[in-house]
Amino acid sequence: MKITKRQLKRIIKEEKTRLAEYGSQSTADRAIGLYFDVRMMESLTVLVDDIYNNAMEAAAEDGLHAAEAYEVVLEGIRKLVEEELMEMRH
């Protein structure tokens, strides 16, 4: 199949655009797109949401105002994640 110069130029332009978009991605975005299992990411999202909502309810029952509960709960989630990341280091 032959392609015209015009088609070739269009293909090259599209590829350059695609590569530029890929190059502007952060390393984290590339890792998520290339290496992470979608179902596992969805499971993690559901789990983190459940942990957050459960902790927010418990904080409210403990008498914390919403803004204070939010800060305390997020700090707890951050600590859990950071501790797990420390365990993963080689």
C-alpha atoms as a PDB file:
ATOM      1  CA  MET A   1       0.000   0.000   0.000  1.00  0.00           C
ATOM      2  CA  LYS A   2       1.371   3.385  -0.973  1.00  0.00           C
ATOM      3  CA  ILE A   3       0.901   6.512   1.037  1.00  0.00           C
ATOM      4  CA  THR A   4       1.080  10.053  -0.204  1.00  0.00           C
ATOM      5  CA  LYS A   5       3.412  12.709   1.150  1.00  0.00           C
ATOM      6  CA  ARG A   6       0.399  14.430   2.680  1.00  0.00           C
ATOM      7  CA  GLN A   7      -0.632  11.230   4.503  1.00  0.00           C
ATOM      8  CA  LEU A   8       2.921  10.654   5.700  1.00  0.00           C
ATOM      9  CA  LYS A   9       3.161  14.212   7.029  1.00  0.00           C
ATOM     10  CA  ARG A  10      -0.173  13.772   8.847  1.00  0.00           C
ATOM     11  CA  ILE A  11       0.973  10.467  10.380  1.00  0.00           C
ATOM     12  CA  ILE A  12       4.258  12.016  11.512  1.00  0.00           C
ATOM     13  CA  LYS A  13       2.419  15.008  13.005  1.00  0.00           C
ATOM     14  CA  GLU A  14       0.018  12.712  14.893  1.00  0.00           C
ATOM     15  CA  GLU A  15       2.892  10.614  16.235  1.00  0.00           C
ATOM     16  CA  LYS A  16       4.825  13.699  17.335  1.00  0.00           C
ATOM     17  CA  THR A  17       1.730  14.913  19.191  1.00  0.00           C
ATOM     18  CA  ARG A  18       1.245  11.504  20.815  1.00  0.00           C
ATOM     19  CA  LEU A  19       4.894  11.350  21.880  1.00  0.00           C
ATOM     20  CA  ALA A  20       4.769  14.886  23.271  1.00  0.00           C
ATOM     21  CA  GLU A  21       1.721  13.961  25.364  1.00  0.00           C
ATOM     22  CA  TYR A  22       3.458  10.806  26.599  1.00  0.00           C
ATOM     23  CA  GLY A  23       6.587  12.764  27.484  1.00  0.00           C
ATOM     24  CA  SER A  24       4.595  15.261  29.542  1.00  0.00           C
ATOM     25  CA  GLN A  25       3.237  12.509  31.802  1.00  0.00           C
ATOM     26  CA  SER A  26       4.694  12.192  35.257  1.00  0.00           C
ATOM     27  CA  THR A  27       6.580   9.028  36.136  1.00  0.00           C
ATOM     28  CA  ALA A  28       3.722   8.076  38.439  1.00  0.00           C
ATOM     29  CA  ASP A  29       1.163   8.451  35.648  1.00  0.00           C
ATOM     30  CA  ARG A  30       3.314   6.343  33.329  1.00  0.00           C
ATOM     31  CA  ALA A  31       3.700   3.645  36.006  1.00  0.00           C
ATOM     32  CA  ILE A  32      -0.044   3.581  36.631  1.00  0.00           C
ATOM     33  CA  GLY A  33      -0.788   3.388  32.913  1.00  0.00           C
ATOM     34  CA  LEU A  34       1.805   0.733  32.152  1.00  0.00           C
ATOM     35  CA  TYR A  35       2.267  -1.465  35.209  1.00  0.00           C
ATOM     36  CA  PHE A  36      -0.750  -1.284  37.502  1.00  0.00           C
ATOM     37  CA  ASP A  37      -3.622  -3.741  37.261  1.00  0.00           C
ATOM     38  CA  VAL A  38      -6.894  -1.842  36.718  1.00  0.00           C
ATOM     39  CA  ARG A  39      -8.988  -4.192  38.874  1.00  0.00           C
ATOM     40  CA  MET A  40      -6.523  -3.936  41.738  1.00  0.00           C
ATOM     41  CA  MET A  41      -6.549  -0.122  41.487  1.00  0.00           C
ATOM     42  CA  GLU A  42     -10.348  -0.151  41.600  1.00  0.00           C
ATOM     43  CA  SER A  43     -10.243  -2.436  44.646  1.00  0.00           C
ATOM     44  CA  LEU A  44      -7.779  -0.101  46.349  1.00  0.00           C
ATOM     45  CA  THR A  45     -10.004   2.894  45.627  1.00  0.00           C
ATOM     46  CA  VAL A  46     -13.017   1.147  47.143  1.00  0.00           C
ATOM     47  CA  LEU A  47     -10.990   0.060  50.180  1.00  0.00           C
ATOM     48  CA  VAL A  48      -9.560   3.535  50.814  1.00  0.00           C
ATOM     49  CA  ASP A  49     -13.026   5.068  50.437  1.00  0.00           C
ATOM     50  CA  ASP A  50     -14.405   2.545  52.932  1.00  0.00           C
ATOM     51  CA  ILE A  51     -11.577   3.217  55.411  1.00  0.00           C
ATOM     52  CA  TYR A  52     -12.119   6.979  55.044  1.00  0.00           C
ATOM     53  CA  ASN A  53     -15.908   6.828  55.461  1.00  0.00           C
ATOM     54  CA  ASN A  54     -15.680   4.431  58.411  1.00  0.00           C
ATOM     55  CA  ALA A  55     -13.114   6.621  60.163  1.00  0.00           C
ATOM     56  CA  MET A  56     -15.137   9.789  59.482  1.00  0.00           C
ATOM     57  CA  GLU A  57     -18.218   8.196  61.033  1.00  0.00           C
ATOM     58  CA  ALA A  58     -16.229   7.094  64.065  1.00  0.00           C
ATOM     59  CA  ALA A  59     -14.714  10.580  64.430  1.00  0.00           C
ATOM     60  CA  ALA A  60     -18.183  12.158  64.236  1.00  0.00           C
ATOM     61  CA  GLU A  61     -19.455   9.753  66.902  1.00  0.00           C
ATOM     62  CA  ASP A  62     -16.455  10.816  68.987  1.00  0.00           C
ATOM     63  CA  GLY A  63     -17.644  14.418  68.750  1.00  0.00           C
ATOM     64  CA  LEU A  64     -15.160  15.847  66.254  1.00  0.00           C
ATOM     65  CA  HIS A  65     -16.398  18.578  63.926  1.00  0.00           C
ATOM     66  CA  ALA A  66     -16.304  17.701  60.214  1.00  0.00           C
ATOM     67  CA  ALA A  67     -13.232  19.805  59.376  1.00  0.00           C
ATOM     68  CA  GLU A  68     -11.264  18.460  62.326  1.00  0.00           C
ATOM     69  CA  ALA A  69     -12.341  14.893  61.613  1.00  0.00           C
ATOM     70  CA  TYR A  70     -11.275  15.297  57.988  1.00  0.00           C
ATOM     71  CA  GLU A  71      -7.775  16.453  58.961  1.00  0.00           C
ATOM     72  CA  VAL A  72      -7.330  13.717  61.577  1.00  0.00           C
ATOM     73  CA  VAL A  73      -8.597  10.962  59.292  1.00  0.00           C
ATOM     74  CA  LEU A  74      -6.455  12.070  56.335  1.00  0.00           C
ATOM     75  CA  GLU A  75      -3.401  12.216  58.575  1.00  0.00           C
ATOM     76  CA  GLY A  76      -4.132   8.663  59.716  1.00  0.00           C
ATOM     77  CA  ILE A  77      -4.496   7.430  56.140  1.00  0.00           C
ATOM     78  CA  ARG A  78      -1.236   9.159  55.158  1.00  0.00           C
ATOM     79  CA  LYS A  79       0.549   7.468  58.060  1.00  0.00           C
ATOM     80  CA  LEU A  80      -0.774   4.038  57.076  1.00  0.00           C
ATOM     81  CA  VAL A  81       0.359   4.529  53.476  1.00  0.00           C
ATOM     82  CA  GLU A  82       3.778   5.899  54.476  1.00  0.00           C
ATOM     83  CA  GLU A  83       4.358   2.976  56.855  1.00  0.00           C
ATOM     84  CA  GLU A  84       3.475   0.517  54.089  1.00  0.00           C
ATOM     85  CA  LEU A  85       5.805   2.285  51.674  1.00  0.00           C
ATOM     86  CA  MET A  86       8.620   2.033  54.215  1.00  0.00           C
ATOM     87  CA  GLU A  87       8.003  -1.724  54.411  1.00  0.00           C
ATOM     88  CA  MET A  88       8.366  -2.011  50.622  1.00  0.00           C
ATOM     89  CA  ARG A  89      11.804  -0.439  50.440  1.00  0.00           C
ATOM     90  CA  HIS A  90      14.586  -2.811  49.485  1.00  0.00           C
END
